[in-house]
């Protein structure tokens, strides 16, 4: 290759960097049409349209499938960062910028999923006020059925949602799973996470409501608007609970996914990314206005039946989405009275603020979500007993809340540091809180103890009621200390045994005590033999089993929290 060829190749590569990222269906693996029709105003590289009003009209008419990734990213980025010119915002959706987005995503996933099993065993959060694990799983199944994701898509959605909760600190946001799923039908994991992050960075909750109060106030405001525009339809819906926060779930929890064909859900996302949450109000009320007469003629007894009938209408071959768009951006109200314009965003925000007090009275705090596994810091000495994410998830569940977002760092391993208590104490000298895991050789069970103070050589009892014993496998279970009242008949020895938390001498290390001298868990000085029996301190079962009170010890590891 001569110098001219090299120069031409570099020029070609530089030119390609200015083109938009093409859409890719990560969620379902469907092929996306990469063609752009002529005379539509759309191009395959910046700039698009400087006139924001014209650009909104183009989005309402539909974004070409191949440009959805670029348009959705650049629109959200520009709205979330209004100080940045639109042309500059559009560059974030070009091939030249994608490497920075992918690099950031690589760092995010490494921090969230330090081990392969973290991804494999993860369950994605649903960000709602689910009252049971069964309800949470039902929501997941419904989402997966509605959007038709494949196994790879489910894994991608899991990674995006877990990272969103773990690193962006979102605990409540009912729209989040469906919004993430819709984004993934047109872009990669890295782009979806980047877009969600910018949505959350947007001030005044333009895209996503991340508190129950805001979400409930949003639903109440929708009901108020229905009462204003269509009072008779409002009365019908209100009587069956279709305008309650639960009743409005198809719109404000699910982004129309259960009630519209998915291609039209993507059309609404075209507009949502440039106009925000107001779009949900517009399309929701417009959809009800289109079918209010036939719906009122039916004998509908529940909110679920109401939205089921709406779905039946929208899935007919005669359903006209363009008519819905026209209705959403036209005038409102009954023909017999004056037409009303849809209120502006500031007015809706004031309505929501007025509904906040009511929303606060409706809030419930019984959310059931999967606990994120503790992070794991990779060191020169590989972690073994805490490597599986399922085990670290159990530990996170049992730990105080202040430690659930920390990471484990291996500070002692018998495979590397030998089998002496002296070395164990030395390596744990900077571990204020620590987890000790040990392997029972005969059964391969993994058991252990959580310490609230630094392990050190002493003849005195120390620690406090935060200590606990546990078994990780099989049948994970923890045995926390529970304070009990001391009766006058209890001996002084019984009282001391109830609070025998940590003991660490030159010849053994243990937790928990009993009248017969046995311990909840005890290791000898060379860490080769262990014993576990019922203890007064923790009320625990023998950790290695009722038939194995004394046992040979395999690997022993101690982790501190970072």
Protein backbone atom coordinates (compact mmCIF):
# COMPACT_ATOMS: atom_id res chain seq x y z
CA UNK A 1 0.00 0.00 0.00
CA UNK A 2 1.55 3.31 -1.10
CA UNK A 3 1.35 6.64 0.71
CA UNK A 4 -1.66 7.81 -1.35
CA UNK A 5 -3.61 4.68 -0.43
CA UNK A 6 -2.82 5.19 3.26
CA UNK A 7 -3.89 8.82 3.07
CA UNK A 8 -7.13 7.91 1.28
CA UNK A 9 -7.91 5.23 3.86
CA UNK A 10 -7.35 7.67 6.72
CA UNK A 11 -9.58 10.24 5.04
CA UNK A 12 -12.28 7.61 4.53
CA UNK A 13 -12.02 6.53 8.16
CA UNK A 14 -12.23 10.14 9.33
CA UNK A 15 -15.27 10.73 7.10
CA UNK A 16 -17.05 7.66 8.48
CA UNK A 17 -16.61 8.91 12.04
CA UNK A 18 -19.00 11.76 11.24
CA UNK A 19 -21.90 9.45 10.35
CA UNK A 20 -24.65 8.50 12.77
CA UNK A 21 -24.69 5.18 14.62
CA UNK A 22 -27.11 2.86 12.87
CA UNK A 23 -29.89 1.23 14.87
CA UNK A 24 -29.44 -2.33 16.11
CA UNK A 25 -32.04 -4.54 17.80
CA UNK A 26 -30.21 -5.86 20.85
CA UNK A 27 -33.38 -6.99 22.62
CA UNK A 28 -34.96 -9.26 20.01
CA UNK A 29 -32.33 -9.71 17.32
CA UNK A 30 -34.65 -8.47 14.55
CA UNK A 31 -33.22 -7.08 11.32
CA UNK A 32 -33.73 -3.30 11.01
CA UNK A 33 -34.28 -1.64 7.65
CA UNK A 34 -31.25 0.61 7.09
CA UNK A 35 -32.77 2.68 4.29
CA UNK A 36 -33.69 6.38 4.57
CA UNK A 37 -36.39 7.63 2.23
CA UNK A 38 -35.63 10.67 0.08
CA UNK A 39 -37.31 14.03 0.66
CA UNK A 40 -38.15 13.30 4.29
CA UNK A 41 -35.63 15.71 5.80
CA UNK A 42 -33.68 12.90 7.50
CA UNK A 43 -29.94 12.44 6.86
CA UNK A 44 -27.35 9.91 7.94
CA UNK A 45 -25.03 12.44 9.57
CA UNK A 46 -25.27 15.74 11.48
CA UNK A 47 -26.67 18.30 11.24
CA UNK A 48 -30.32 17.29 11.15
CA UNK A 49 -32.77 20.15 11.64
CA UNK A 50 -31.87 23.35 13.50
CA UNK A 51 -35.51 24.43 13.81
CA UNK A 52 -36.69 22.55 16.93
CA UNK A 53 -40.37 22.95 16.02
CA UNK A 54 -39.85 21.40 12.60
CA UNK A 55 -37.75 18.65 14.19
CA UNK A 56 -40.58 17.80 16.60
CA UNK A 57 -43.00 17.59 13.67
CA UNK A 58 -40.63 15.20 11.91
CA UNK A 59 -40.40 13.02 15.04
CA UNK A 60 -44.20 12.94 15.32
CA UNK A 61 -44.32 11.74 11.71
CA UNK A 62 -41.92 8.94 12.62
CA UNK A 63 -38.14 8.55 12.80
CA UNK A 64 -36.62 6.15 10.22
CA UNK A 65 -35.89 2.84 11.94
CA UNK A 66 -32.21 2.99 11.08
CA UNK A 67 -31.84 6.44 12.70
CA UNK A 68 -33.76 5.78 15.90
CA UNK A 69 -30.61 5.01 17.89
CA UNK A 70 -28.96 8.28 16.81
CA UNK A 71 -32.07 10.45 17.13
CA UNK A 72 -33.09 9.08 20.52
CA UNK A 73 -29.59 9.52 21.98
CA UNK A 74 -29.01 13.01 20.58
CA UNK A 75 -32.50 14.25 21.48
CA UNK A 76 -32.23 13.17 25.11
CA UNK A 77 -28.68 14.47 25.41
CA UNK A 78 -29.66 17.86 23.99
CA UNK A 79 -32.72 18.23 26.27
CA UNK A 80 -30.72 17.13 29.33
CA UNK A 81 -27.91 19.56 28.42
CA UNK A 82 -29.67 22.66 27.03
CA UNK A 83 -26.48 24.71 27.20
CA UNK A 84 -24.99 22.54 24.44
CA UNK A 85 -25.87 23.47 20.82
CA UNK A 86 -28.00 20.89 19.02
CA UNK A 87 -25.31 20.21 16.42
CA UNK A 88 -22.83 19.32 19.17
CA UNK A 89 -25.40 17.11 20.90
CA UNK A 90 -25.92 15.23 17.64
CA UNK A 91 -22.24 14.33 17.49
CA UNK A 92 -22.77 12.10 20.54
CA UNK A 93 -24.73 9.78 18.26
CA UNK A 94 -21.98 9.45 15.65
CA UNK A 95 -19.50 6.67 15.06
CA UNK A 96 -16.73 8.96 16.27
CA UNK A 97 -18.28 9.17 19.76
CA UNK A 98 -19.47 5.59 20.16
CA UNK A 99 -16.06 4.42 21.38
CA UNK A 100 -16.28 6.81 24.34
CA UNK A 101 -19.77 5.56 25.20
CA UNK A 102 -18.59 1.95 24.94
CA UNK A 103 -15.51 2.66 27.08
CA UNK A 104 -17.70 4.18 29.79
CA UNK A 105 -20.04 1.18 29.65
CA UNK A 106 -17.09 -1.19 29.97
CA UNK A 107 -16.03 0.55 33.19
CA UNK A 108 -19.60 0.47 34.51
CA UNK A 109 -20.07 -3.26 33.88
CA UNK A 110 -16.70 -4.17 35.39
CA UNK A 111 -17.58 -2.31 38.57
CA UNK A 112 -21.10 -3.77 38.78
CA UNK A 113 -20.29 -7.33 37.68
CA UNK A 114 -16.77 -8.19 38.89
CA UNK A 115 -17.30 -11.87 38.16
CA UNK A 116 -19.04 -13.69 35.28
CA UNK A 117 -21.50 -15.28 37.69
CA UNK A 118 -22.69 -11.81 38.72
CA UNK A 119 -24.29 -11.39 35.31
CA UNK A 120 -25.41 -14.98 34.96
CA UNK A 121 -27.21 -15.06 38.29
CA UNK A 122 -28.54 -11.49 38.33
CA UNK A 123 -32.24 -10.66 38.35
CA UNK A 124 -33.16 -7.30 36.93
CA UNK A 125 -35.05 -4.93 39.26
CA UNK A 126 -38.53 -3.75 38.26
CA UNK A 127 -38.37 -0.44 40.17
CA UNK A 128 -41.94 -0.66 41.50
CA UNK A 129 -43.69 -1.06 44.83
CA UNK A 130 -44.15 -4.81 44.42
CA UNK A 131 -45.49 -6.46 47.58
CA UNK A 132 -43.96 -9.91 47.03
CA UNK A 133 -41.25 -11.75 45.16
CA UNK A 134 -43.98 -13.58 43.23
CA UNK A 135 -45.45 -10.29 42.05
CA UNK A 136 -42.01 -9.09 41.00
CA UNK A 137 -41.46 -12.23 38.93
CA UNK A 138 -44.90 -11.87 37.35
CA UNK A 139 -44.02 -8.33 36.21
CA UNK A 140 -40.82 -9.63 34.63
CA UNK A 141 -42.63 -12.41 32.77
CA UNK A 142 -45.25 -10.00 31.47
CA UNK A 143 -42.63 -7.59 30.14
CA UNK A 144 -40.70 -10.36 28.43
CA UNK A 145 -43.86 -11.70 26.78
CA UNK A 146 -45.05 -8.26 25.66
CA UNK A 147 -41.82 -7.23 23.93
CA UNK A 148 -40.75 -10.70 22.78
CA UNK A 149 -37.14 -10.54 23.91
CA UNK A 150 -34.73 -13.43 23.35
CA UNK A 151 -32.18 -14.82 25.85
CA UNK A 152 -29.45 -12.42 24.74
CA UNK A 153 -31.88 -9.53 24.98
CA UNK A 154 -32.91 -10.51 28.49
CA UNK A 155 -29.25 -10.55 29.52
CA UNK A 156 -28.71 -7.12 27.96
CA UNK A 157 -31.79 -5.72 29.74
CA UNK A 158 -30.59 -7.22 33.03
CA UNK A 159 -27.18 -5.57 32.71
CA UNK A 160 -28.64 -2.17 31.87
CA UNK A 161 -31.22 -2.21 34.69
CA UNK A 162 -28.89 -3.59 37.36
CA UNK A 163 -26.25 -0.97 36.49
CA UNK A 164 -28.94 1.72 36.55
CA UNK A 165 -29.98 0.75 40.05
CA UNK A 166 -26.51 0.04 41.39
CA UNK A 167 -24.60 3.04 40.00
CA UNK A 168 -27.28 5.65 39.29
CA UNK A 169 -29.04 5.03 42.60
CA UNK A 170 -32.57 4.55 41.25
CA UNK A 171 -34.84 2.46 43.49
CA UNK A 172 -38.27 3.50 42.22
CA UNK A 173 -39.20 4.24 38.61
CA UNK A 174 -42.03 2.11 37.16
CA UNK A 175 -41.33 3.23 33.59
CA UNK A 176 -37.69 2.17 33.74
CA UNK A 177 -37.89 -1.51 32.62
CA UNK A 178 -40.12 -0.79 29.62
CA UNK A 179 -38.19 2.32 28.60
CA UNK A 180 -34.93 0.36 28.76
CA UNK A 181 -36.46 -2.49 26.76
CA UNK A 182 -37.74 -0.11 24.07
CA UNK A 183 -34.34 1.56 23.80
CA UNK A 184 -32.66 -1.82 23.40
CA UNK A 185 -34.81 -2.60 20.36
CA UNK A 186 -32.82 0.07 18.52
CA UNK A 187 -29.45 0.32 20.22
CA UNK A 188 -26.68 -1.44 22.13
CA UNK A 189 -26.43 -1.85 25.91
CA UNK A 190 -23.88 0.96 26.12
CA UNK A 191 -26.10 3.42 24.23
CA UNK A 192 -29.20 2.44 26.22
CA UNK A 193 -27.41 3.01 29.53
CA UNK A 194 -26.00 6.34 28.28
CA UNK A 195 -29.48 7.47 27.22
CA UNK A 196 -31.07 6.46 30.54
CA UNK A 197 -28.32 8.22 32.46
CA UNK A 198 -29.01 11.44 30.55
CA UNK A 199 -32.76 11.05 31.10
CA UNK A 200 -32.12 10.88 34.84
CA UNK A 201 -29.76 13.87 34.66
CA UNK A 202 -32.51 15.97 33.11
CA UNK A 203 -33.91 18.52 35.56
CA UNK A 204 -37.59 18.85 36.49
CA UNK A 205 -38.30 15.15 35.86
CA UNK A 206 -38.77 15.73 32.14
CA UNK A 207 -38.49 12.02 31.35
CA UNK A 208 -38.69 9.72 34.37
CA UNK A 209 -40.29 10.06 37.79
CA UNK A 210 -38.10 8.42 40.43
CA UNK A 211 -40.27 8.74 43.52
CA UNK A 212 -43.66 7.31 44.45
CA UNK A 213 -44.98 10.77 45.26
CA UNK A 214 -44.14 12.15 41.80
CA UNK A 215 -45.51 9.04 40.11
CA UNK A 216 -48.79 9.13 42.02
CA UNK A 217 -49.12 12.89 41.47
CA UNK A 218 -48.57 12.29 37.75
CA UNK A 219 -51.43 9.75 37.65
CA UNK A 220 -53.74 12.05 39.61
CA UNK A 221 -52.95 14.90 37.19
CA UNK A 222 -53.84 12.66 34.24
CA UNK A 223 -57.19 11.95 35.89
CA UNK A 224 -57.75 15.69 36.44
CA UNK A 225 -57.08 16.37 32.76
CA UNK A 226 -59.52 13.64 31.75
CA UNK A 227 -62.15 15.26 33.98
CA UNK A 228 -61.45 18.60 32.35
CA UNK A 229 -61.64 17.40 28.74
CA UNK A 230 -64.03 14.43 28.92
CA UNK A 231 -66.02 14.50 32.20
CA UNK A 232 -68.36 11.64 31.27
CA UNK A 233 -65.51 9.33 30.31
CA UNK A 234 -63.74 10.39 33.49
CA UNK A 235 -66.76 9.34 35.56
CA UNK A 236 -66.92 5.94 33.83
CA UNK A 237 -63.22 5.26 34.35
CA UNK A 238 -63.10 6.61 37.88
CA UNK A 239 -65.95 4.34 38.94
CA UNK A 240 -64.00 1.20 38.00
CA UNK A 241 -60.59 2.40 39.23
CA UNK A 242 -59.11 2.88 35.75
CA UNK A 243 -57.79 6.33 36.71
CA UNK A 244 -56.02 5.25 39.90
CA UNK A 245 -52.21 4.81 39.87
CA UNK A 246 -52.71 1.05 39.54
CA UNK A 247 -55.43 1.50 36.93
CA UNK A 248 -53.19 3.74 34.81
CA UNK A 249 -50.31 1.24 34.85
CA UNK A 250 -50.55 0.55 31.07
CA UNK A 251 -49.54 4.18 30.45
CA UNK A 252 -47.44 5.39 33.37
CA UNK A 253 -45.86 2.06 34.37
CA UNK A 254 -45.64 0.32 31.00
CA UNK A 255 -45.29 3.09 28.36
CA UNK A 256 -48.30 1.74 26.34
CA UNK A 257 -46.55 -1.61 25.78
CA UNK A 258 -49.54 -3.77 26.88
CA UNK A 259 -52.13 -1.83 24.85
CA UNK A 260 -50.48 -0.77 21.57
CA UNK A 261 -48.74 -2.77 18.83
CA UNK A 262 -45.02 -2.47 19.53
CA UNK A 263 -44.23 -0.58 16.31
CA UNK A 264 -46.47 2.22 17.56
CA UNK A 265 -44.86 2.14 21.00
CA UNK A 266 -41.59 2.92 19.19
CA UNK A 267 -43.34 5.79 17.40
CA UNK A 268 -44.31 7.27 20.76
CA UNK A 269 -40.69 6.88 21.90
CA UNK A 270 -39.69 8.92 18.82
CA UNK A 271 -41.62 11.83 20.31
CA UNK A 272 -40.95 11.08 23.99
CA UNK A 273 -37.18 11.49 23.58
CA UNK A 274 -37.58 15.05 22.30
CA UNK A 275 -40.69 16.16 24.26
CA UNK A 276 -40.59 14.17 27.50
CA UNK A 277 -43.32 12.90 29.84
CA UNK A 278 -45.97 15.27 28.48
CA UNK A 279 -46.18 12.88 25.53
CA UNK A 280 -47.68 10.19 27.79
CA UNK A 281 -50.47 12.58 28.78
CA UNK A 282 -51.17 13.59 25.19
CA UNK A 283 -51.25 10.10 23.68
CA UNK A 284 -53.03 8.58 26.67
CA UNK A 285 -55.91 11.06 26.61
CA UNK A 286 -56.06 11.01 22.79
CA UNK A 287 -56.33 7.21 22.79
CA UNK A 288 -59.21 7.32 25.26
CA UNK A 289 -60.90 10.09 23.28
CA UNK A 290 -60.80 7.99 20.09
CA UNK A 291 -62.67 5.09 21.67
CA UNK A 292 -64.71 6.72 24.44
CA UNK A 293 -68.07 6.11 22.76
CA UNK A 294 -67.73 2.36 22.11
CA UNK A 295 -66.09 1.88 25.52
CA UNK A 296 -68.94 3.61 27.36
CA UNK A 297 -71.43 1.43 25.48
CA UNK A 298 -69.87 -1.71 26.96
CA UNK A 299 -70.59 -3.18 30.38
CA UNK A 300 -67.06 -2.82 31.75
CA UNK A 301 -66.58 -3.73 35.42
CA UNK A 302 -62.84 -3.28 36.03
CA UNK A 303 -59.78 -1.31 34.98
CA UNK A 304 -58.20 -4.46 33.61
CA UNK A 305 -61.22 -5.07 31.37
CA UNK A 306 -61.22 -1.43 30.27
CA UNK A 307 -57.64 -1.54 29.00
CA UNK A 308 -58.19 -4.99 27.51
CA UNK A 309 -60.95 -3.52 25.35
CA UNK A 310 -58.69 -0.59 24.40
CA UNK A 311 -56.09 -3.13 23.34
CA UNK A 312 -58.65 -4.94 21.20
CA UNK A 313 -59.36 -1.70 19.31
CA UNK A 314 -55.70 -0.78 18.79
CA UNK A 315 -54.85 -4.22 17.41
CA UNK A 316 -57.52 -4.12 14.72
CA UNK A 317 -56.32 -3.76 11.12
CA UNK A 318 -58.37 -0.58 10.91
CA UNK A 319 -56.48 1.16 13.74
CA UNK A 320 -55.04 4.44 12.44
CA UNK A 321 -51.99 5.59 14.39
CA UNK A 322 -51.68 8.77 12.31
CA UNK A 323 -55.17 9.70 13.46
CA UNK A 324 -54.03 9.16 17.06
CA UNK A 325 -51.06 11.50 16.50
CA UNK A 326 -53.34 14.13 14.98
CA UNK A 327 -55.70 13.79 17.93
CA UNK A 328 -52.85 14.05 20.44
CA UNK A 329 -51.71 17.38 18.96
CA UNK A 330 -55.11 18.81 18.06
CA UNK A 331 -57.79 20.50 20.15
CA UNK A 332 -59.63 18.77 22.96
CA UNK A 333 -63.08 18.48 24.45
CA UNK A 334 -66.66 17.82 23.50
CA UNK A 335 -68.09 19.13 20.23
CA UNK A 336 -70.91 20.84 22.14
CA UNK A 337 -68.59 23.16 24.01
CA UNK A 338 -65.55 25.25 23.30
CA UNK A 339 -62.48 23.38 22.17
CA UNK A 340 -59.57 23.44 24.63
CA UNK A 341 -55.86 23.49 23.91
CA UNK A 342 -53.72 20.97 25.73
CA UNK A 343 -52.04 22.66 28.74
CA UNK A 344 -48.38 23.57 28.57
CA UNK A 345 -45.73 21.77 30.57
CA UNK A 346 -45.51 24.44 33.29
CA UNK A 347 -49.26 24.19 33.89
CA UNK A 348 -49.04 20.39 34.17
CA UNK A 349 -46.14 20.77 36.62
CA UNK A 350 -48.28 23.11 38.75
CA UNK A 351 -51.11 20.58 38.68
CA UNK A 352 -48.72 17.88 39.82
CA UNK A 353 -47.43 20.07 42.62
CA UNK A 354 -51.00 20.61 43.75
CA UNK A 355 -51.56 16.84 43.78
CA UNK A 356 -48.40 16.11 45.79
CA UNK A 357 -50.13 16.21 49.16
CA UNK A 358 -52.68 13.63 48.02
CA UNK A 359 -49.85 11.54 46.53
CA UNK A 360 -47.94 11.55 49.82
CA UNK A 361 -50.96 10.01 51.55
CA UNK A 362 -50.98 7.14 49.04
CA UNK A 363 -47.33 6.16 49.30
CA UNK A 364 -46.50 2.68 50.53
CA UNK A 365 -43.04 1.41 51.40
CA UNK A 366 -43.17 -2.34 50.95
CA UNK A 367 -41.03 -2.73 47.87
CA UNK A 368 -39.61 -6.21 47.36
CA UNK A 369 -36.56 -6.20 45.13
CA UNK A 370 -33.68 -8.62 44.64
CA UNK A 371 -30.68 -7.64 46.75
CA UNK A 372 -27.61 -6.74 44.74
CA UNK A 373 -24.64 -9.01 45.46
CA UNK A 374 -21.77 -7.39 47.29
CA UNK A 375 -19.08 -6.20 44.93
CA UNK A 376 -15.83 -8.11 44.72
CA UNK A 377 -12.45 -6.47 44.29
CA UNK A 378 -10.03 -8.55 42.26
CA UNK A 379 -6.64 -8.94 43.93
CA UNK A 380 -3.48 -10.91 43.20
CA UNK A 381 -4.91 -13.68 45.36
CA UNK A 382 -8.07 -14.98 43.65
CA UNK A 383 -11.25 -15.18 45.71
CA UNK A 384 -12.79 -18.65 45.80
CA UNK A 385 -15.48 -19.08 48.44
CA UNK A 386 -17.09 -15.66 47.76
CA UNK A 387 -16.70 -15.81 44.01
CA UNK A 388 -20.27 -16.84 43.25
CA UNK A 389 -22.64 -13.88 43.11
CA UNK A 390 -25.45 -15.88 44.75
CA UNK A 391 -23.35 -16.21 47.89
CA UNK A 392 -22.52 -12.51 47.92
CA UNK A 393 -26.21 -11.71 47.45
CA UNK A 394 -27.05 -13.73 50.58
CA UNK A 395 -24.36 -11.92 52.52
CA UNK A 396 -25.69 -8.54 51.36
CA UNK A 397 -29.17 -9.52 52.50
CA UNK A 398 -27.93 -10.34 56.01
CA UNK A 399 -25.59 -7.39 56.46
CA UNK A 400 -26.49 -3.99 57.94
CA UNK A 401 -27.79 -1.61 55.24
CA UNK A 402 -24.70 0.56 55.64
CA UNK A 403 -22.55 -2.26 54.24
CA UNK A 404 -24.78 -3.48 51.41
CA UNK A 405 -23.26 -1.18 48.80
CA UNK A 406 -19.67 -2.04 49.68
CA UNK A 407 -17.23 -4.44 48.04
CA UNK A 408 -15.38 -7.41 49.46
CA UNK A 409 -11.60 -7.50 49.35
CA UNK A 410 -9.79 -10.73 50.19
CA UNK A 411 -7.21 -10.13 52.93
CA UNK A 412 -6.47 -13.67 54.06
CA UNK A 413 -6.48 -17.07 52.37
CA UNK A 414 -4.99 -20.28 53.74
CA UNK A 415 -4.00 -21.22 50.17
CA UNK A 416 -1.64 -18.24 50.03
CA UNK A 417 -0.93 -17.07 53.58
CA UNK A 418 -0.68 -20.39 55.39
CA UNK A 419 -2.57 -21.86 58.33
CA UNK A 420 -1.72 -19.82 61.38
CA UNK A 421 -3.83 -17.59 63.57
CA UNK A 422 -0.89 -15.22 63.90
CA UNK A 423 -0.91 -14.50 60.16
CA UNK A 424 -4.71 -14.26 60.11
CA UNK A 425 -4.66 -11.62 62.87
CA UNK A 426 -1.93 -9.69 61.08
CA UNK A 427 -3.77 -9.64 57.77
CA UNK A 428 -7.03 -8.60 59.43
CA UNK A 429 -5.50 -5.76 61.44
CA UNK A 430 -7.12 -3.11 59.21
CA UNK A 431 -10.48 -4.84 58.76
CA UNK A 432 -12.94 -3.12 61.08
CA UNK A 433 -15.72 -5.37 59.77
CA UNK A 434 -14.94 -8.70 58.19
CA UNK A 435 -16.48 -11.86 56.78
CA UNK A 436 -14.76 -15.19 57.47
CA UNK A 437 -15.66 -18.08 55.17
CA UNK A 438 -14.50 -21.65 55.61
CA UNK A 439 -14.98 -24.90 53.75
CA UNK A 440 -16.11 -28.08 55.52
CA UNK A 441 -14.03 -30.78 53.85
CA UNK A 442 -16.37 -33.73 54.38
CA UNK A 443 -19.40 -32.05 52.79
CA UNK A 444 -17.98 -29.05 50.84
CA UNK A 445 -20.39 -26.86 52.81
CA UNK A 446 -19.41 -23.20 53.19
CA UNK A 447 -20.06 -21.61 56.58
CA UNK A 448 -18.77 -18.53 58.35
CA UNK A 449 -19.11 -15.57 60.65
CA UNK A 450 -19.44 -11.78 60.40
CA UNK A 451 -17.30 -9.75 62.81
CA UNK A 452 -18.00 -6.16 63.85
CA UNK A 453 -14.51 -5.49 65.24
CA UNK A 454 -10.94 -6.19 64.21
CA UNK A 455 -9.85 -9.77 64.93
CA UNK A 456 -6.86 -9.70 67.27
CA UNK A 457 -5.21 -11.86 69.89
CA UNK A 458 -6.77 -11.38 73.33
CA UNK A 459 -8.18 -13.36 76.24
CA UNK A 460 -11.25 -11.12 76.52
CA UNK A 461 -14.65 -11.32 74.86
CA UNK A 462 -15.35 -8.44 72.47
CA UNK A 463 -17.63 -7.53 69.58
CA UNK A 464 -21.33 -6.67 69.80
CA UNK A 465 -24.80 -7.77 68.76
CA UNK A 466 -24.11 -6.97 65.11
CA UNK A 467 -22.08 -10.18 64.81
CA UNK A 468 -23.76 -13.22 63.30
CA UNK A 469 -23.11 -16.78 62.17
CA UNK A 470 -24.26 -18.23 58.87
CA UNK A 471 -24.09 -21.05 56.39
CA UNK A 472 -23.88 -20.20 52.68
CA UNK A 473 -24.23 -23.64 51.15
CA UNK A 474 -26.19 -25.73 51.15
CA UNK A 475 -29.42 -23.99 52.25
CA UNK A 476 -28.17 -20.50 53.02
CA UNK A 477 -29.27 -19.19 56.41
CA UNK A 478 -28.06 -16.61 58.90
CA UNK A 479 -28.21 -16.65 62.69
CA UNK A 480 -28.19 -13.08 64.00
CA UNK A 481 -27.91 -12.24 67.65
CA UNK A 482 -31.24 -11.43 69.27
CA UNK A 483 -31.29 -9.63 72.63
CA UNK A 484 -33.17 -11.45 75.35
CA UNK A 485 -34.22 -10.38 78.80
CA UNK A 486 -32.17 -11.83 81.63
CA UNK A 487 -34.24 -13.56 84.30
CA UNK A 488 -33.32 -13.50 87.96
CA UNK A 489 -32.88 -17.28 87.78
CA UNK A 490 -30.20 -16.98 85.11
CA UNK A 491 -26.70 -17.45 86.39
CA UNK A 492 -23.95 -14.95 85.76
CA UNK A 493 -22.38 -17.52 83.41
CA UNK A 494 -25.57 -17.65 81.29
CA UNK A 495 -25.59 -13.88 80.98
CA UNK A 496 -21.98 -13.85 79.77
CA UNK A 497 -22.64 -16.67 77.28
CA UNK A 498 -25.51 -14.71 75.75
CA UNK A 499 -23.01 -11.97 74.88
CA UNK A 500 -20.02 -14.14 73.93
CA UNK A 501 -19.63 -12.57 70.51
CA UNK A 502 -15.95 -12.75 69.51
CA UNK A 503 -13.11 -14.73 71.08
CA UNK A 504 -9.63 -14.87 69.55
CA UNK A 505 -6.74 -16.23 71.58
CA UNK A 506 -3.44 -17.72 70.55
CA UNK A 507 -4.99 -21.21 70.34
CA UNK A 508 -8.43 -20.68 68.81
CA UNK A 509 -10.85 -18.21 67.24
CA UNK A 510 -14.61 -18.46 67.81
CA UNK A 511 -18.08 -16.92 68.06
CA UNK A 512 -20.94 -17.96 70.37
CA UNK A 513 -20.84 -19.96 73.57
CA UNK A 514 -22.76 -22.63 75.49
CA UNK A 515 -22.75 -24.09 79.01
CA UNK A 516 -20.93 -27.25 77.91
CA UNK A 517 -18.03 -25.24 76.48
CA UNK A 518 -18.98 -25.73 72.84
CA UNK A 519 -19.12 -22.79 70.43
CA UNK A 520 -21.36 -21.58 67.65
CA UNK A 521 -18.27 -21.78 65.41
CA UNK A 522 -14.67 -22.39 66.42
CA UNK A 523 -11.37 -22.94 64.58
CA UNK A 524 -8.18 -24.31 66.12
CA UNK A 525 -4.79 -22.59 66.01
CA UNK A 526 -3.62 -24.13 62.70
CA UNK A 527 -7.03 -23.69 61.03
CA UNK A 528 -7.31 -27.36 60.14
CA UNK A 529 -10.08 -28.42 62.54
CA UNK A 530 -13.35 -26.76 63.33
CA UNK A 531 -16.46 -27.33 65.41
CA UNK A 532 -19.99 -25.93 65.44
CA UNK A 533 -22.81 -26.61 67.91
CA UNK A 534 -25.89 -24.90 69.29
CA UNK A 535 -24.97 -21.69 71.12
CA UNK A 536 -26.84 -19.52 73.59
CA UNK A 537 -25.40 -16.44 71.91
CA UNK A 538 -26.94 -16.84 68.45
CA UNK A 539 -29.41 -19.69 68.91
CA UNK A 540 -27.88 -21.28 65.85
CA UNK A 541 -28.12 -24.79 64.46
CA UNK A 542 -24.81 -26.66 64.07
CA UNK A 543 -23.52 -24.98 60.91
CA UNK A 544 -21.95 -28.12 59.40
CA UNK A 545 -24.97 -30.27 60.26
CA UNK A 546 -26.35 -32.04 63.33
CA UNK A 547 -24.24 -35.13 62.58
CA UNK A 548 -21.01 -33.22 62.06
CA UNK A 549 -20.22 -31.18 65.15
CA UNK A 550 -16.45 -31.56 64.61
CA UNK A 551 -14.95 -31.45 61.14
CA UNK A 552 -11.85 -31.00 59.02
CA UNK A 553 -11.44 -27.55 57.51
CA UNK A 554 -10.44 -26.90 53.92
CA UNK A 555 -10.00 -23.40 52.57
CA UNK A 556 -10.37 -20.45 54.95
CA UNK A 557 -10.80 -16.90 53.61
CA UNK A 558 -11.32 -13.54 55.31
CA UNK A 559 -12.71 -10.51 53.49
CA UNK A 560 -12.87 -6.90 54.55
CA UNK A 561 -15.34 -4.27 53.29
CA UNK A 562 -14.25 -1.45 50.99
